[in-house]
Amino acid sequence: MAGMLMAGESAAFLNTGTLLTNSASATYSAGGQGSSISYSATAKILVANPAVFLWKDINGPTCVTASAGGTIVFSICFSNGGANSAFNITVKDKLPNNTYWIGLATYSSWWIDLTGTGQQLTTFYGQSSSGGTWYPVGAGQNMCPVATCPFLQWVVPSLGVGKSGCVEFMVSVN
């Protein structure tokens, strides 16, 4: 299973470019004299959503052959090609069967944007992508043995328009 944004986690209900119109009005009545004055105002809002793209790849040749005890390095990359910044993007990945997570690769805990600056991400691992507890990696709380927790997760706090990044991690083949 490739890295994914889980279904149902997006809150964008309207397409980019949708024009919203919001109107308000008020009426003032002048006592018992039978006259009134009405006021109204209108605001127009153009919807501009982020568009987050996600892909997963292996570092090396297109097809990797690994035997028991061998390692594979994966990259999960993401970018925002939309019209607005995206916030709190949750990236979850299920490790391939017969593998287990053994660590972060070279620039593993960083996402890199197009300007070359980075932001540290926390890696979590868990037993299920849909619920349960997510344990931070390296927090000294290995309550879930890594071999029984095949899911990894990262939360990207903010991804601006035109920005992108990657995380890399290694797995060992059983």
Protein backbone atom coordinates (compact mmCIF):
# COMPACT_ATOMS: atom_id res chain seq x y z
CA MET A 1 0.00 0.00 0.00
CA ALA A 2 1.43 3.39 -0.91
CA GLY A 3 1.52 6.41 1.34
CA MET A 4 -1.89 7.98 1.52
CA LEU A 5 -4.04 10.73 2.82
CA MET A 6 -6.82 8.78 4.50
CA ALA A 7 -10.28 9.13 3.02
CA GLY A 8 -12.58 11.45 4.92
CA GLU A 9 -9.79 13.65 6.30
CA SER A 10 -10.27 16.52 3.89
CA ALA A 11 -12.67 19.31 4.74
CA ALA A 12 -12.82 21.05 1.36
CA PHE A 13 -16.47 20.89 0.35
CA LEU A 14 -16.44 23.44 -2.47
CA ASN A 15 -14.33 23.48 -5.62
CA THR A 16 -11.65 26.12 -6.07
CA GLY A 17 -13.12 29.00 -8.06
CA THR A 18 -16.60 28.72 -6.52
CA LEU A 19 -17.99 32.18 -5.76
CA LEU A 20 -19.92 32.51 -2.51
CA THR A 21 -22.23 35.44 -1.81
CA ASN A 22 -23.17 36.38 1.73
CA SER A 23 -25.93 38.94 2.27
CA ALA A 24 -27.21 40.56 5.44
CA SER A 25 -30.05 43.01 6.00
CA ALA A 26 -31.60 44.95 8.85
CA THR A 27 -34.78 46.98 9.18
CA TYR A 28 -35.40 49.80 11.61
CA SER A 29 -38.98 50.75 12.48
CA ALA A 30 -39.61 54.27 13.72
CA GLY A 31 -42.01 53.60 16.57
CA GLY A 32 -45.72 53.70 15.80
CA GLN A 33 -45.38 56.11 12.87
CA GLY A 34 -45.53 53.37 10.22
CA SER A 35 -42.21 54.20 8.61
CA SER A 36 -39.15 52.02 8.44
CA ILE A 37 -35.66 52.08 6.98
CA SER A 38 -33.88 49.02 5.59
CA TYR A 39 -30.15 48.45 5.22
CA SER A 40 -28.32 45.66 3.41
CA ALA A 41 -24.76 44.57 2.69
CA THR A 42 -23.23 41.89 0.48
CA ALA A 43 -19.83 40.20 0.57
CA LYS A 44 -18.41 37.95 -2.14
CA ILE A 45 -15.87 35.21 -1.34
CA LEU A 46 -13.88 33.26 -3.93
CA VAL A 47 -13.03 29.73 -2.71
CA ALA A 48 -9.30 28.88 -3.01
CA ASN A 49 -8.37 25.35 -1.83
CA PRO A 50 -5.00 23.68 -1.48
CA ALA A 51 -4.28 20.72 -3.78
CA VAL A 52 -1.98 18.26 -2.03
CA PHE A 53 -0.20 15.62 -4.12
CA LEU A 54 1.49 12.56 -2.61
CA TRP A 55 3.80 9.91 -4.03
CA LYS A 56 5.96 7.09 -2.68
CA ASP A 57 9.13 5.75 -4.22
CA ILE A 58 12.12 3.57 -3.43
CA ASN A 59 15.65 4.91 -3.44
CA GLY A 60 17.54 3.04 -6.11
CA PRO A 61 16.51 1.12 -9.20
CA THR A 62 12.88 0.95 -10.29
CA CYS A 63 12.56 -2.61 -9.02
CA VAL A 64 14.30 -3.68 -5.83
CA THR A 65 15.23 -7.24 -4.97
CA ALA A 66 15.86 -7.76 -1.27
CA SER A 67 16.46 -10.94 0.66
CA ALA A 68 15.77 -11.64 4.34
CA GLY A 69 17.79 -9.27 6.48
CA GLY A 70 18.17 -6.77 3.63
CA THR A 71 17.04 -3.16 3.83
CA ILE A 72 14.95 -0.96 1.57
CA VAL A 73 14.78 2.86 1.74
CA PHE A 74 11.45 4.47 0.87
CA SER A 75 10.67 8.13 0.19
CA ILE A 76 7.24 9.66 0.63
CA CYS A 77 7.00 13.07 -0.99
CA PHE A 78 4.22 15.62 -1.03
CA SER A 79 3.55 18.99 -2.65
CA ASN A 80 0.89 21.68 -2.72
CA GLY A 81 -0.11 22.73 -6.24
CA GLY A 82 -3.27 24.48 -5.12
CA ALA A 83 -4.35 28.06 -4.63
CA ASN A 84 -3.98 28.20 -0.84
CA SER A 85 -1.83 26.78 1.97
CA ALA A 86 -2.67 23.38 3.47
CA PHE A 87 -2.48 22.78 7.22
CA ASN A 88 -2.06 19.68 9.40
CA ILE A 89 -1.68 17.22 6.53
CA THR A 90 -1.63 13.70 7.96
CA VAL A 91 0.45 11.26 5.90
CA LYS A 92 0.03 7.58 6.81
CA ASP A 93 1.88 4.65 5.32
CA LYS A 94 1.46 0.89 5.71
CA LEU A 95 4.74 -0.95 5.45
CA PRO A 96 4.89 -3.83 2.97
CA ASN A 97 4.12 -7.30 4.34
CA ASN A 98 7.14 -9.17 5.71
CA THR A 99 9.01 -5.95 6.52
CA TYR A 100 9.40 -3.85 9.64
CA TRP A 101 10.51 -0.29 10.23
CA ILE A 102 14.13 0.02 11.37
CA GLY A 103 14.79 3.73 11.24
CA LEU A 104 14.87 7.01 9.47
CA ALA A 105 17.14 7.53 6.49
CA THR A 106 19.39 10.48 5.65
CA TYR A 107 17.15 13.56 5.92
CA SER A 108 14.31 11.47 7.24
CA SER A 109 12.86 13.75 9.87
CA TRP A 110 12.78 16.82 7.66
CA TRP A 111 10.58 18.07 4.92
CA ILE A 112 12.27 20.36 2.44
CA ASP A 113 10.43 23.14 0.63
CA LEU A 114 11.43 24.74 -2.65
CA THR A 115 13.37 27.54 -0.93
CA GLY A 116 15.66 25.00 0.74
CA THR A 117 14.43 25.58 4.27
CA GLY A 118 13.10 22.68 6.29
CA GLN A 119 10.86 21.87 9.17
CA GLN A 120 11.26 18.93 11.50
CA LEU A 121 8.48 16.34 11.44
CA THR A 122 7.74 13.81 14.16
CA THR A 123 7.44 10.19 13.06
CA PHE A 124 4.78 8.05 14.75
CA TYR A 125 4.07 4.33 14.48
CA GLY A 126 0.92 2.35 15.24
CA GLN A 127 -0.97 -0.91 14.80
CA SER A 128 -3.83 0.43 12.67
CA SER A 129 -4.34 3.28 10.22
CA SER A 130 -7.92 3.87 11.34
CA GLY A 131 -7.60 4.08 15.09
CA GLY A 132 -5.69 3.09 18.15
CA THR A 133 -2.68 4.77 19.67
CA TRP A 134 0.11 6.40 17.67
CA TYR A 135 3.49 6.27 19.42
CA PRO A 136 6.15 8.91 18.72
CA VAL A 137 9.40 7.43 17.47
CA GLY A 138 12.38 8.13 19.70
CA ALA A 139 10.35 9.22 22.71
CA GLY A 140 11.59 6.24 24.75
CA GLN A 141 8.03 4.92 24.96
CA ASN A 142 8.26 1.77 22.87
CA MET A 143 4.92 0.47 24.15
CA CYS A 144 4.22 -1.09 20.77
CA PRO A 145 6.99 -3.31 19.41
CA VAL A 146 7.96 -1.94 16.01
CA ALA A 147 7.51 -5.34 14.32
CA THR A 148 3.81 -5.36 15.32
CA CYS A 149 3.19 -1.76 14.30
CA PRO A 150 3.27 -1.70 10.50
CA PHE A 151 1.90 1.85 10.11
CA LEU A 152 3.93 5.07 10.07
CA GLN A 153 2.48 8.57 10.30
CA TRP A 154 3.70 12.15 9.93
CA VAL A 155 1.77 15.41 10.34
CA VAL A 156 2.90 18.32 8.17
CA PRO A 157 1.84 21.43 10.12
CA SER A 158 1.83 23.79 7.13
CA LEU A 159 2.48 23.41 3.39
CA GLY A 160 2.39 26.65 1.43
CA VAL A 161 1.44 27.10 -2.20
CA GLY A 162 4.13 25.63 -4.46
CA LYS A 163 5.96 24.00 -1.53
CA SER A 164 6.98 20.36 -1.30
CA GLY A 165 8.88 17.94 0.91
CA CYS A 166 9.87 14.34 1.55
CA VAL A 167 10.46 11.92 4.39
CA GLU A 168 12.70 8.87 4.01
CA PHE A 169 12.70 5.72 6.10
CA MET A 170 14.22 2.24 6.05
CA VAL A 171 12.60 -1.14 6.44
CA SER A 172 14.16 -4.56 6.96
CA VAL A 173 12.93 -7.61 5.11
CA ASN A 174 11.91 -10.57 7.34
